Every structure is written in structure tokens, then in C-alpha cells.
Amino acid sequence: MALSGISLRGAMARLEAFLGDIFDGATTRDGIRLHRPEDFAGMRKAGQLAARILDDLAEHVFPGQTTGALDRLITEQVRSAGAISATIGYRGYQHASCISVNHVVCHGIPGAPVPLGKDETISRDLEKRRADDVLREGDILNIDVTVVVDGWFGDSSRMYVAGALKPRAEKLIQVTYDALMMGIDAVRPGNTFGDIGHAIQAHVESQRMSVVRDFCGHGLGQVFHAPPNVLHYGRPGRGPVLEPGMFFTIEPMVNLGKPDTRVLSDDWTAVTRDKSLSAQFEHSIGVTEDGVEIFTTSPAGRFHPTWA
């Protein structure tokens, strides 16, 4: 979720959530919906479908594969499950996934040319290879999928590698995954959203990497984006207090270089300004009476990359 222009999109998300609460009598706290115990089942079902799709993609990521082909595979899996892609038609977007390669931070468009990396210069050979969306040896990529099952949204993303993984990329991916899990470990009633952000930020910066600040996690449930904005940096004890029934994503984006990003002319693709590598993992979660439930845990136990 982009923080740029957040006032308008944030207002729309709050209005959408508010109107839904009026009609079904839901309880809110600090503008954040508190879901009922029975709502967890709907989120669990949607989250598991998103996770299963990501499980199945692992064998399809390899040098020579295209991001367009991966997206078509995702589209077919969503339809075969009788579900809906949340992203097709969202603000004009036409794909069932976002696929972000190397220094693309998020919202990479499947089938689009991959932007030039830090050590790449224009050449005839490179122009030919980068004229399409073909994955190359050593490319790292984040695949982000959101599905709607019986009105509930399941949102998750993971990192993949095409071929052999380079050491610096491996460390980046490991740090990003660990940061996500440290953020989730901070989720329990009585803690705050600042506690989540602080846990993520402290770990990332201890490894001399940077947390992207232009994008954040978000509330979800029976809407795609809702309050709160879940920042991946912060101070302990700050922000709204976590309560049972809150549903949201945690999805830290971590850069090897500086945290600054820019959005390309397609108005979607966000890249690192210094062209350093970027990685991201995402889970949809719910606050329980005594902790947290992760809705998007891998059914096959594959969420944590076997090569990391």
C-alpha cells in the first residue's frame, strides 16, 4: 500500500470501512474494525488459498521463465478455486499479481519490461533481453497475491529466486523474512502498532539495511484496504493499542541500500532510487485473545525459503 497520496486513499478506506460498520453493527476502536470470533474462519479460508497459490509457484520460477507466464498461472489458479482476484480491476490494474524483480520494491507489473539494475548499462544484448519480462540467472523476485473467498480478502507475498542465489541477495532475503516474523512476534493484545514497527526497524538497521517508508501494511477483512496503516518502523508504545479482532497485513520492504523509492511512469512500479536490491515478505494476520493468528501460513510449510 502506498503512503504517497495517503490522505485521499486513506479517507476512502476509512469511509468504506465506516459504511460497512454501520450496516453490520461492527465494533471499531481508533477507526479500526474489531472482527468477531466467527470472522476468523473466513480470513483463514482466504489466506490459505493465497498461501497455496504461492506454494505452487515455487517450481515455476527459473531462468527463462517470464513474469507474464507466472501471472497467467496465478489467474488460472484463482479461477479454478472459484475465487476472485482482488487486484484485477483495482484502480485499473489488469493482473492477478504484482511481481517485483531485483530493485523493484513493490507493485511490479507482470509482463512489463524489467527496469535496468544498478550495474546494467544499455547495450544491444541487454535491450533484447530486457525488452520483455524474462527472468535471468540470479534474479530475485517478490510475488504478491490477493484473493477474495466468500467476501474475505487473503493477501500474502514471498520471495523467490531464479537459479542460483548470490550471497548478498540471500542475506537481504533472510533479514527481511526475520524482520517480518519479529514484527508478528510483537502482536498481542495490549501492545501497540509502534511496537510492531520498532521490532522490524531495529532488526533491519542492525544489519545495516534500510526499511522502506513510502509503503506500509494495512487493515483488511471484507475490504481490501482499511485502517490502520501498519508502518514498518516506529517507537515502542506509540500508535493504537492492539485488540482482539483486528485484522491487518505486515509486509516489510527492505533495501540493501538507502530506503528512498520512486514510482515509474506507469504509476505502479516502485523502485529503489539507488537501484539497490529490495526484498519483501507479507502475511495477513489477526489479533487473538492471547496473541496472533497468521492466516497465510504455507499449507506445505514453504513460506520460509528452503534456500535462505
C-alpha atoms as a PDB file:
ATOM      1  CA  MET A   1       0.000   0.000   0.000  1.00  0.00           C
ATOM      2  CA  ALA A   2       1.433   3.376  -0.972  1.00  0.00           C
ATOM      3  CA  LEU A   3       1.807   6.166   1.552  1.00  0.00           C
ATOM      4  CA  SER A   4       2.060   8.791  -1.184  1.00  0.00           C
ATOM      5  CA  GLY A   5      -1.373  10.350  -1.605  1.00  0.00           C
ATOM      6  CA  ILE A   6      -2.443   8.608   1.571  1.00  0.00           C
ATOM      7  CA  SER A   7      -4.862  11.346   2.598  1.00  0.00           C
ATOM      8  CA  LEU A   8      -7.257  10.584  -0.257  1.00  0.00           C
ATOM      9  CA  ARG A   9      -6.899   6.802  -0.324  1.00  0.00           C
ATOM     10  CA  GLY A  10      -6.845   6.663   3.465  1.00  0.00           C
ATOM     11  CA  ALA A  11     -10.044   8.695   3.627  1.00  0.00           C
ATOM     12  CA  MET A  12     -11.721   6.408   1.100  1.00  0.00           C
ATOM     13  CA  ALA A  13     -10.653   3.303   3.009  1.00  0.00           C
ATOM     14  CA  ARG A  14     -11.970   4.766   6.253  1.00  0.00           C
ATOM     15  CA  LEU A  15     -15.277   5.683   4.609  1.00  0.00           C
ATOM     16  CA  GLU A  16     -15.604   2.189   3.122  1.00  0.00           C
ATOM     17  CA  ALA A  17     -14.928   0.582   6.475  1.00  0.00           C
ATOM     18  CA  PHE A  18     -17.209   3.032   8.309  1.00  0.00           C
ATOM     19  CA  LEU A  19     -20.155   2.389   5.998  1.00  0.00           C
ATOM     20  CA  GLY A  20     -19.671  -1.348   6.362  1.00  0.00           C
ATOM     21  CA  ASP A  21     -19.698  -0.986  10.131  1.00  0.00           C
ATOM     22  CA  ILE A  22     -22.951   0.967  10.042  1.00  0.00           C
ATOM     23  CA  PHE A  23     -24.712  -1.786   8.143  1.00  0.00           C
ATOM     24  CA  ASP A  24     -23.476  -4.749  10.201  1.00  0.00           C
ATOM     25  CA  GLY A  25     -23.081  -3.145  13.620  1.00  0.00           C
ATOM     26  CA  ALA A  26     -19.368  -3.931  13.889  1.00  0.00           C
ATOM     27  CA  THR A  27     -17.315  -2.507  16.731  1.00  0.00           C
ATOM     28  CA  THR A  28     -14.375  -0.234  15.954  1.00  0.00           C
ATOM     29  CA  ARG A  29     -11.533   1.149  18.033  1.00  0.00           C
ATOM     30  CA  ASP A  30      -9.487   4.137  16.823  1.00  0.00           C
ATOM     31  CA  GLY A  31     -11.228   3.654  13.478  1.00  0.00           C
ATOM     32  CA  ILE A  32     -10.020   0.038  13.279  1.00  0.00           C
ATOM     33  CA  ARG A  33     -12.633  -2.669  12.908  1.00  0.00           C
ATOM     34  CA  LEU A  34     -12.796  -5.321  15.640  1.00  0.00           C
ATOM     35  CA  HIS A  35     -13.923  -8.526  13.968  1.00  0.00           C
ATOM     36  CA  ARG A  36     -15.946 -11.243  15.649  1.00  0.00           C
ATOM     37  CA  PRO A  37     -14.522 -14.676  16.578  1.00  0.00           C
ATOM     38  CA  GLU A  38     -16.525 -16.286  13.771  1.00  0.00           C
ATOM     39  CA  ASP A  39     -14.878 -13.959  11.223  1.00  0.00           C
ATOM     40  CA  PHE A  40     -11.541 -15.702  11.700  1.00  0.00           C
ATOM     41  CA  ALA A  41     -12.802 -18.698   9.705  1.00  0.00           C
ATOM     42  CA  GLY A  42     -13.425 -16.557   6.620  1.00  0.00           C
ATOM     43  CA  MET A  43      -9.975 -14.991   6.796  1.00  0.00           C
ATOM     44  CA  ARG A  44      -8.397 -18.383   7.345  1.00  0.00           C
ATOM     45  CA  LYS A  45     -10.000 -19.764   4.181  1.00  0.00           C
ATOM     46  CA  ALA A  46      -8.957 -16.807   2.020  1.00  0.00           C
ATOM     47  CA  GLY A  47      -5.463 -16.715   3.473  1.00  0.00           C
ATOM     48  CA  GLN A  48      -4.905 -20.402   2.878  1.00  0.00           C
ATOM     49  CA  LEU A  49      -5.835 -20.092  -0.791  1.00  0.00           C
ATOM     50  CA  ALA A  50      -3.356 -17.238  -1.271  1.00  0.00           C
ATOM     51  CA  ALA A  51      -0.692 -19.286   0.504  1.00  0.00           C
ATOM     52  CA  ARG A  52      -1.404 -22.396  -1.559  1.00  0.00           C
ATOM     53  CA  ILE A  53      -1.053 -20.427  -4.792  1.00  0.00           C
ATOM     54  CA  LEU A  54       2.315 -19.099  -3.624  1.00  0.00           C
ATOM     55  CA  ASP A  55       3.364 -22.639  -2.667  1.00  0.00           C
ATOM     56  CA  ASP A  56       2.607 -23.887  -6.162  1.00  0.00           C
ATOM     57  CA  LEU A  57       4.620 -21.126  -7.837  1.00  0.00           C
ATOM     58  CA  ALA A  58       7.966 -22.282  -6.452  1.00  0.00           C
ATOM     59  CA  GLU A  59       8.556 -24.880  -9.171  1.00  0.00           C
ATOM     60  CA  HIS A  60       7.647 -22.401 -11.908  1.00  0.00           C
ATOM     61  CA  VAL A  61      10.313 -19.786 -11.081  1.00  0.00           C
ATOM     62  CA  PHE A  62      13.516 -20.370 -13.072  1.00  0.00           C
ATOM     63  CA  PRO A  63      15.808 -18.582 -15.551  1.00  0.00           C
ATOM     64  CA  GLY A  64      13.992 -18.136 -18.852  1.00  0.00           C
ATOM     65  CA  GLN A  65      10.556 -18.009 -17.247  1.00  0.00           C
ATOM     66  CA  THR A  66       8.536 -14.835 -17.729  1.00  0.00           C
ATOM     67  CA  THR A  67       6.621 -12.801 -15.188  1.00  0.00           C
ATOM     68  CA  GLY A  68       3.718 -12.703 -17.615  1.00  0.00           C
ATOM     69  CA  ALA A  69       3.516 -16.506 -17.632  1.00  0.00           C
ATOM     70  CA  LEU A  70       3.625 -16.584 -13.826  1.00  0.00           C
ATOM     71  CA  ASP A  71       0.735 -14.131 -13.641  1.00  0.00           C
ATOM     72  CA  ARG A  72      -1.317 -16.177 -16.098  1.00  0.00           C
ATOM     73  CA  LEU A  73      -0.719 -19.246 -13.943  1.00  0.00           C
ATOM     74  CA  ILE A  74      -1.913 -17.335 -10.865  1.00  0.00           C
ATOM     75  CA  THR A  75      -5.001 -16.118 -12.720  1.00  0.00           C
ATOM     76  CA  GLU A  76      -5.925 -19.688 -13.647  1.00  0.00           C
ATOM     77  CA  GLN A  77      -5.375 -20.957 -10.093  1.00  0.00           C
ATOM     78  CA  VAL A  78      -7.627 -18.260  -8.649  1.00  0.00           C
ATOM     79  CA  ARG A  79     -10.385 -19.038 -11.138  1.00  0.00           C
ATOM     80  CA  SER A  80     -10.057 -22.809 -10.653  1.00  0.00           C
ATOM     81  CA  ALA A  81     -10.574 -22.310  -6.924  1.00  0.00           C
ATOM     82  CA  GLY A  82     -13.800 -20.395  -7.558  1.00  0.00           C
ATOM     83  CA  ALA A  83     -12.266 -17.285  -6.025  1.00  0.00           C
ATOM     84  CA  ILE A  84     -11.753 -13.719  -7.245  1.00  0.00           C
ATOM     85  CA  SER A  85      -8.532 -11.806  -7.794  1.00  0.00           C
ATOM     86  CA  ALA A  86      -8.647  -8.644  -5.694  1.00  0.00           C
ATOM     87  CA  THR A  87      -6.217  -6.811  -7.951  1.00  0.00           C
ATOM     88  CA  ILE A  88      -7.792  -7.307 -11.393  1.00  0.00           C
ATOM     89  CA  GLY A  89      -9.723  -4.089 -11.991  1.00  0.00           C
ATOM     90  CA  TYR A  90      -8.402  -2.419  -8.825  1.00  0.00           C
ATOM     91  CA  ARG A  91      -7.724   1.217  -9.807  1.00  0.00           C
ATOM     92  CA  GLY A  92      -7.414   0.000 -13.395  1.00  0.00           C
ATOM     93  CA  TYR A  93      -4.852  -2.718 -12.665  1.00  0.00           C
ATOM     94  CA  GLN A  94      -5.170  -5.687 -15.032  1.00  0.00           C
ATOM     95  CA  HIS A  95      -3.224  -8.517 -13.381  1.00  0.00           C
ATOM     96  CA  ALA A  96      -3.755 -11.126 -10.661  1.00  0.00           C
ATOM     97  CA  SER A  97      -0.408 -10.415  -9.015  1.00  0.00           C
ATOM     98  CA  CYS A  98       2.381  -7.924  -8.557  1.00  0.00           C
ATOM     99  CA  ILE A  99       5.809  -9.339  -9.436  1.00  0.00           C
ATOM    100  CA  SER A 100       8.750  -7.208  -8.346  1.00  0.00           C
ATOM    101  CA  VAL A 101      12.202  -8.176  -9.643  1.00  0.00           C
ATOM    102  CA  ASN A 102      15.553  -7.197  -8.078  1.00  0.00           C
ATOM    103  CA  HIS A 103      15.466  -3.450  -7.293  1.00  0.00           C
ATOM    104  CA  VAL A 104      11.716  -3.169  -7.868  1.00  0.00           C
ATOM    105  CA  VAL A 105      10.370  -2.564  -4.365  1.00  0.00           C
ATOM    106  CA  CYS A 106       6.703  -3.366  -4.990  1.00  0.00           C
ATOM    107  CA  HIS A 107       3.834  -3.196  -7.490  1.00  0.00           C
ATOM    108  CA  GLY A 108       5.903  -4.604 -10.358  1.00  0.00           C
ATOM    109  CA  ILE A 109       3.639  -5.254 -13.356  1.00  0.00           C
ATOM    110  CA  PRO A 110       3.781  -8.812 -14.763  1.00  0.00           C
ATOM    111  CA  GLY A 111       4.702  -8.903 -18.433  1.00  0.00           C
ATOM    112  CA  ALA A 112       6.289  -5.452 -18.367  1.00  0.00           C
ATOM    113  CA  PRO A 113       9.970  -4.865 -19.150  1.00  0.00           C
ATOM    114  CA  VAL A 114      12.170  -5.248 -16.072  1.00  0.00           C
ATOM    115  CA  PRO A 115      13.849  -1.893 -15.218  1.00  0.00           C
ATOM    116  CA  LEU A 116      17.621  -1.664 -15.528  1.00  0.00           C
ATOM    117  CA  GLY A 117      19.589  -2.582 -12.421  1.00  0.00           C
ATOM    118  CA  LYS A 118      22.455  -0.772 -10.722  1.00  0.00           C
ATOM    119  CA  ASP A 119      25.270  -2.444 -12.672  1.00  0.00           C
ATOM    120  CA  GLU A 120      23.486  -2.607 -16.022  1.00  0.00           C
ATOM    121  CA  THR A 121      24.054  -0.294 -18.954  1.00  0.00           C
ATOM    122  CA  ILE A 122      22.222  -0.069 -22.233  1.00  0.00           C
ATOM    123  CA  SER A 123      23.602  -2.419 -24.865  1.00  0.00           C
ATOM    124  CA  ARG A 124      22.109  -4.207 -27.820  1.00  0.00           C
ATOM    125  CA  ASP A 125      22.156  -7.516 -25.938  1.00  0.00           C
ATOM    126  CA  LEU A 126      20.614  -6.002 -22.820  1.00  0.00           C
ATOM    127  CA  GLU A 127      17.966  -4.197 -24.830  1.00  0.00           C
ATOM    128  CA  LYS A 128      16.978  -7.525 -26.350  1.00  0.00           C
ATOM    129  CA  ARG A 129      16.826  -9.327 -23.017  1.00  0.00           C
ATOM    130  CA  ARG A 130      15.105  -6.501 -21.157  1.00  0.00           C
ATOM    131  CA  ALA A 131      12.612  -5.828 -23.947  1.00  0.00           C
ATOM    132  CA  ASP A 132      10.431  -8.456 -22.300  1.00  0.00           C
ATOM    133  CA  ASP A 133       9.899  -9.870 -18.834  1.00  0.00           C
ATOM    134  CA  VAL A 134      12.251 -12.866 -18.960  1.00  0.00           C
ATOM    135  CA  LEU A 135      13.857 -13.862 -15.658  1.00  0.00           C
ATOM    136  CA  ARG A 136      17.634 -14.217 -15.660  1.00  0.00           C
ATOM    137  CA  GLU A 137      20.008 -16.335 -13.586  1.00  0.00           C
ATOM    138  CA  GLY A 138      20.216 -14.915 -10.062  1.00  0.00           C
ATOM    139  CA  ASP A 139      17.158 -12.643 -10.298  1.00  0.00           C
ATOM    140  CA  ILE A 140      15.245 -12.330  -7.044  1.00  0.00           C
ATOM    141  CA  LEU A 141      11.551 -11.557  -7.133  1.00  0.00           C
ATOM    142  CA  ASN A 142       8.635 -10.920  -4.849  1.00  0.00           C
ATOM    143  CA  ILE A 143       5.250 -12.287  -5.886  1.00  0.00           C
ATOM    144  CA  ASP A 144       2.251 -10.665  -4.191  1.00  0.00           C
ATOM    145  CA  VAL A 145      -1.196 -12.267  -4.459  1.00  0.00           C
ATOM    146  CA  THR A 146      -4.542 -11.173  -3.009  1.00  0.00           C
ATOM    147  CA  VAL A 147      -7.646 -13.331  -3.397  1.00  0.00           C
ATOM    148  CA  VAL A 148     -11.260 -12.924  -2.336  1.00  0.00           C
ATOM    149  CA  VAL A 149     -13.043 -16.015  -1.000  1.00  0.00           C
ATOM    150  CA  ASP A 150     -16.673 -15.680   0.120  1.00  0.00           C
ATOM    151  CA  GLY A 151     -16.141 -11.955   0.573  1.00  0.00           C
ATOM    152  CA  TRP A 152     -12.932 -12.230   2.635  1.00  0.00           C
ATOM    153  CA  PHE A 153      -9.526 -10.995   1.448  1.00  0.00           C
ATOM    154  CA  GLY A 154      -6.346 -13.071   1.743  1.00  0.00           C
ATOM    155  CA  ASP A 155      -3.159 -11.108   0.997  1.00  0.00           C
ATOM    156  CA  SER A 156       0.381 -12.517   1.035  1.00  0.00           C
ATOM    157  CA  SER A 157       3.727 -12.257  -0.719  1.00  0.00           C
ATOM    158  CA  ARG A 158       7.007 -14.161  -0.757  1.00  0.00           C
ATOM    159  CA  MET A 159      10.470 -14.021  -2.258  1.00  0.00           C
ATOM    160  CA  TYR A 160      11.701 -16.390  -4.971  1.00  0.00           C
ATOM    161  CA  VAL A 161      14.966 -16.780  -6.872  1.00  0.00           C
ATOM    162  CA  ALA A 162      15.582 -17.727 -10.499  1.00  0.00           C
ATOM    163  CA  GLY A 163      18.513 -20.140 -10.421  1.00  0.00           C
ATOM    164  CA  ALA A 164      21.433 -19.710  -8.022  1.00  0.00           C
ATOM    165  CA  LEU A 165      21.183 -17.170  -5.220  1.00  0.00           C
ATOM    166  CA  LYS A 166      24.001 -14.679  -4.654  1.00  0.00           C
ATOM    167  CA  PRO A 167      25.261 -14.211  -1.048  1.00  0.00           C
ATOM    168  CA  ARG A 168      24.231 -10.544  -0.668  1.00  0.00           C
ATOM    169  CA  ALA A 169      20.761 -11.279  -2.003  1.00  0.00           C
ATOM    170  CA  GLU A 170      20.474 -14.268   0.311  1.00  0.00           C
ATOM    171  CA  LYS A 171      21.297 -12.136   3.342  1.00  0.00           C
ATOM    172  CA  LEU A 172      18.802  -9.472   2.265  1.00  0.00           C
ATOM    173  CA  ILE A 173      16.034 -12.035   1.912  1.00  0.00           C
ATOM    174  CA  GLN A 174      16.858 -13.677   5.241  1.00  0.00           C
ATOM    175  CA  VAL A 175      16.902 -10.338   7.073  1.00  0.00           C
ATOM    176  CA  THR A 176      13.571  -9.356   5.512  1.00  0.00           C
ATOM    177  CA  TYR A 177      11.918 -12.635   6.464  1.00  0.00           C
ATOM    178  CA  ASP A 178      13.271 -12.449  10.016  1.00  0.00           C
ATOM    179  CA  ALA A 179      12.068  -8.843  10.314  1.00  0.00           C
ATOM    180  CA  LEU A 180       8.552  -9.880   9.306  1.00  0.00           C
ATOM    181  CA  MET A 181       8.477 -12.628  11.908  1.00  0.00           C
ATOM    182  CA  MET A 182       9.849 -10.307  14.601  1.00  0.00           C
ATOM    183  CA  GLY A 183       7.068  -7.869  13.782  1.00  0.00           C
ATOM    184  CA  ILE A 184       4.500 -10.651  14.080  1.00  0.00           C
ATOM    185  CA  ASP A 185       6.029 -11.743  17.397  1.00  0.00           C
ATOM    186  CA  ALA A 186       5.190  -8.263  18.733  1.00  0.00           C
ATOM    187  CA  VAL A 187       1.479  -8.742  18.007  1.00  0.00           C
ATOM    188  CA  ARG A 188      -0.556  -9.356  21.150  1.00  0.00           C
ATOM    189  CA  PRO A 189      -3.363  -7.511  22.949  1.00  0.00           C
ATOM    190  CA  GLY A 190      -2.006  -4.547  24.863  1.00  0.00           C
ATOM    191  CA  ASN A 191       0.955  -3.930  22.595  1.00  0.00           C
ATOM    192  CA  THR A 192       0.856  -1.135  20.021  1.00  0.00           C
ATOM    193  CA  PHE A 193       1.422  -0.754  16.308  1.00  0.00           C
ATOM    194  CA  GLY A 194       4.564   1.166  17.217  1.00  0.00           C
ATOM    195  CA  ASP A 195       5.885  -1.978  18.884  1.00  0.00           C
ATOM    196  CA  ILE A 196       5.483  -3.853  15.586  1.00  0.00           C
ATOM    197  CA  GLY A 197       7.291  -1.195  13.565  1.00  0.00           C
ATOM    198  CA  HIS A 198      10.079  -0.874  16.117  1.00  0.00           C
ATOM    199  CA  ALA A 199      10.759  -4.626  16.129  1.00  0.00           C
ATOM    200  CA  ILE A 200      11.099  -4.623  12.340  1.00  0.00           C
ATOM    201  CA  GLN A 201      13.163  -1.451  12.106  1.00  0.00           C
ATOM    202  CA  ALA A 202      15.578  -2.405  14.889  1.00  0.00           C
ATOM    203  CA  HIS A 203      16.438  -5.725  13.285  1.00  0.00           C
ATOM    204  CA  VAL A 204      16.822  -4.369   9.756  1.00  0.00           C
ATOM    205  CA  GLU A 205      19.007  -1.453  10.773  1.00  0.00           C
ATOM    206  CA  SER A 206      21.165  -3.697  12.973  1.00  0.00           C
ATOM    207  CA  GLN A 207      22.063  -5.488   9.732  1.00  0.00           C
ATOM    208  CA  ARG A 208      22.942  -2.178   8.027  1.00  0.00           C
ATOM    209  CA  MET A 209      19.984  -2.335   5.698  1.00  0.00           C
ATOM    210  CA  SER A 210      17.049   0.061   5.424  1.00  0.00           C
ATOM    211  CA  VAL A 211      13.278  -0.131   5.863  1.00  0.00           C
ATOM    212  CA  VAL A 212      11.224   1.402   3.058  1.00  0.00           C
ATOM    213  CA  ARG A 213       8.986   4.144   4.486  1.00  0.00           C
ATOM    214  CA  ASP A 214       6.934   5.047   1.424  1.00  0.00           C
ATOM    215  CA  PHE A 215       4.755   1.918   1.659  1.00  0.00           C
ATOM    216  CA  CYS A 216       3.078   0.141   4.544  1.00  0.00           C
ATOM    217  CA  GLY A 217       0.800  -2.677   5.627  1.00  0.00           C
ATOM    218  CA  HIS A 218      -2.938  -2.157   6.004  1.00  0.00           C
ATOM    219  CA  GLY A 219      -6.107  -3.366   7.612  1.00  0.00           C
ATOM    220  CA  LEU A 220      -8.227  -5.840   5.676  1.00  0.00           C
ATOM    221  CA  GLY A 221     -11.095  -8.267   6.100  1.00  0.00           C
ATOM    222  CA  GLN A 222     -14.136  -7.852   3.899  1.00  0.00           C
ATOM    223  CA  VAL A 223     -12.407  -4.892   2.241  1.00  0.00           C
ATOM    224  CA  PHE A 224      -9.014  -4.824   0.514  1.00  0.00           C
ATOM    225  CA  HIS A 225      -7.569  -1.791   2.289  1.00  0.00           C
ATOM    226  CA  ALA A 226      -8.840  -0.401   5.579  1.00  0.00           C
ATOM    227  CA  PRO A 227      -7.418   1.324   8.654  1.00  0.00           C
ATOM    228  CA  PRO A 228      -4.860   1.144  10.120  1.00  0.00           C
ATOM    229  CA  ASN A 229      -1.719   1.970   8.189  1.00  0.00           C
ATOM    230  CA  VAL A 230       0.804  -0.555   9.524  1.00  0.00           C
ATOM    231  CA  LEU A 231       4.205   1.143   9.473  1.00  0.00           C
ATOM    232  CA  HIS A 232       7.339  -0.996   9.423  1.00  0.00           C
ATOM    233  CA  TYR A 233       9.248   1.445  11.594  1.00  0.00           C
ATOM    234  CA  GLY A 234       8.305   3.221  14.796  1.00  0.00           C
ATOM    235  CA  ARG A 235       8.749   3.737  18.504  1.00  0.00           C
ATOM    236  CA  PRO A 236       7.677   1.313  21.235  1.00  0.00           C
ATOM    237  CA  GLY A 237       4.376   2.169  22.879  1.00  0.00           C
ATOM    238  CA  ARG A 238       3.247   4.529  20.128  1.00  0.00           C
ATOM    239  CA  GLY A 239       0.151   4.223  17.956  1.00  0.00           C
ATOM    240  CA  PRO A 240      -3.170   2.446  18.524  1.00  0.00           C
ATOM    241  CA  VAL A 241      -3.293  -0.382  21.046  1.00  0.00           C
ATOM    242  CA  LEU A 242      -3.767  -3.870  19.599  1.00  0.00           C
ATOM    243  CA  GLU A 243      -7.057  -5.577  20.456  1.00  0.00           C
ATOM    244  CA  PRO A 244      -8.548  -8.988  19.625  1.00  0.00           C
ATOM    245  CA  GLY A 245     -10.348  -8.995  16.280  1.00  0.00           C
ATOM    246  CA  MET A 246      -8.059  -6.588  14.462  1.00  0.00           C
ATOM    247  CA  PHE A 247      -7.090  -7.944  11.013  1.00  0.00           C
ATOM    248  CA  PHE A 248      -4.184  -6.453   9.062  1.00  0.00           C
ATOM    249  CA  THR A 249      -1.101  -7.178   6.972  1.00  0.00           C
ATOM    250  CA  ILE A 250       2.534  -6.846   7.936  1.00  0.00           C
ATOM    251  CA  GLU A 251       4.664  -6.574   4.790  1.00  0.00           C
ATOM    252  CA  PRO A 252       8.097  -5.000   5.329  1.00  0.00           C
ATOM    253  CA  MET A 253      10.101  -3.924   2.296  1.00  0.00           C
ATOM    254  CA  VAL A 254      13.840  -3.872   2.968  1.00  0.00           C
ATOM    255  CA  ASN A 255      16.602  -2.394   0.799  1.00  0.00           C
ATOM    256  CA  LEU A 256      20.301  -3.240   0.689  1.00  0.00           C
ATOM    257  CA  GLY A 257      20.954   0.453   0.145  1.00  0.00           C
ATOM    258  CA  LYS A 258      19.033   3.566   1.112  1.00  0.00           C
ATOM    259  CA  PRO A 259      15.271   3.493   1.826  1.00  0.00           C
ATOM    260  CA  ASP A 260      14.306   6.024  -0.853  1.00  0.00           C
ATOM    261  CA  THR A 261      11.995   4.937  -3.665  1.00  0.00           C
ATOM    262  CA  ARG A 262      10.440   6.395  -6.787  1.00  0.00           C
ATOM    263  CA  VAL A 263       7.430   5.348  -8.857  1.00  0.00           C
ATOM    264  CA  LEU A 264       7.943   4.862 -12.596  1.00  0.00           C
ATOM    265  CA  SER A 265       5.837   6.466 -15.312  1.00  0.00           C
ATOM    266  CA  ASP A 266       3.399   3.517 -15.320  1.00  0.00           C
ATOM    267  CA  ASP A 267       2.169   4.891 -11.940  1.00  0.00           C
ATOM    268  CA  TRP A 268       2.591   1.459 -10.320  1.00  0.00           C
ATOM    269  CA  THR A 269       6.167   0.181 -10.339  1.00  0.00           C
ATOM    270  CA  ALA A 270       8.165   1.412  -7.337  1.00  0.00           C
ATOM    271  CA  VAL A 271      11.953   1.060  -7.485  1.00  0.00           C
ATOM    272  CA  THR A 272      14.854   1.901  -5.196  1.00  0.00           C
ATOM    273  CA  ARG A 273      16.317   5.282  -6.104  1.00  0.00           C
ATOM    274  CA  ASP A 274      19.877   3.975  -5.765  1.00  0.00           C
ATOM    275  CA  LYS A 275      18.978   0.777  -7.690  1.00  0.00           C
ATOM    276  CA  SER A 276      19.972  -1.418  -4.752  1.00  0.00           C
ATOM    277  CA  LEU A 277      18.218  -4.764  -4.314  1.00  0.00           C
ATOM    278  CA  SER A 278      14.936  -4.857  -2.393  1.00  0.00           C
ATOM    279  CA  ALA A 279      13.020  -7.705  -0.749  1.00  0.00           C
ATOM    280  CA  GLN A 280       9.602  -8.142   0.864  1.00  0.00           C
ATOM    281  CA  PHE A 281       7.533 -10.738   2.701  1.00  0.00           C
ATOM    282  CA  GLU A 282       3.891 -10.363   3.712  1.00  0.00           C
ATOM    283  CA  HIS A 283       1.415 -12.135   5.969  1.00  0.00           C
ATOM    284  CA  SER A 284      -2.245 -11.416   6.734  1.00  0.00           C
ATOM    285  CA  ILE A 285      -2.839 -11.792  10.461  1.00  0.00           C
ATOM    286  CA  GLY A 286      -5.491 -11.459  13.149  1.00  0.00           C
ATOM    287  CA  VAL A 287      -5.077 -10.437  16.784  1.00  0.00           C
ATOM    288  CA  THR A 288      -6.406 -13.156  19.114  1.00  0.00           C
ATOM    289  CA  GLU A 289      -7.223 -13.091  22.823  1.00  0.00           C
ATOM    290  CA  ASP A 290      -3.705 -14.210  23.701  1.00  0.00           C
ATOM    291  CA  GLY A 291      -1.570 -13.395  20.670  1.00  0.00           C
ATOM    292  CA  VAL A 292      -1.825 -13.687  16.911  1.00  0.00           C
ATOM    293  CA  GLU A 293      -3.074 -15.987  14.165  1.00  0.00           C
ATOM    294  CA  ILE A 294      -1.288 -15.982  10.799  1.00  0.00           C
ATOM    295  CA  PHE A 295      -3.916 -16.578   8.128  1.00  0.00           C
ATOM    296  CA  THR A 296      -1.452 -17.035   5.257  1.00  0.00           C
ATOM    297  CA  THR A 297       0.856 -19.722   6.648  1.00  0.00           C
ATOM    298  CA  SER A 298       2.012 -22.105   3.921  1.00  0.00           C
ATOM    299  CA  PRO A 299      -0.036 -25.343   3.822  1.00  0.00           C
ATOM    300  CA  ALA A 300       3.109 -27.102   2.550  1.00  0.00           C
ATOM    301  CA  GLY A 301       5.453 -25.477   5.061  1.00  0.00           C
ATOM    302  CA  ARG A 302       7.143 -23.498   2.278  1.00  0.00           C
ATOM    303  CA  PHE A 303       6.749 -19.928   3.448  1.00  0.00           C
ATOM    304  CA  HIS A 304      10.344 -19.715   4.619  1.00  0.00           C
ATOM    305  CA  PRO A 305      12.514 -20.254   1.530  1.00  0.00           C
ATOM    306  CA  THR A 306      14.398 -23.552   1.682  1.00  0.00           C
ATOM    307  CA  TRP A 307      17.402 -21.821   0.117  1.00  0.00           C
ATOM    308  CA  ALA A 308      17.576 -18.936   2.609  1.00  0.00           C
END
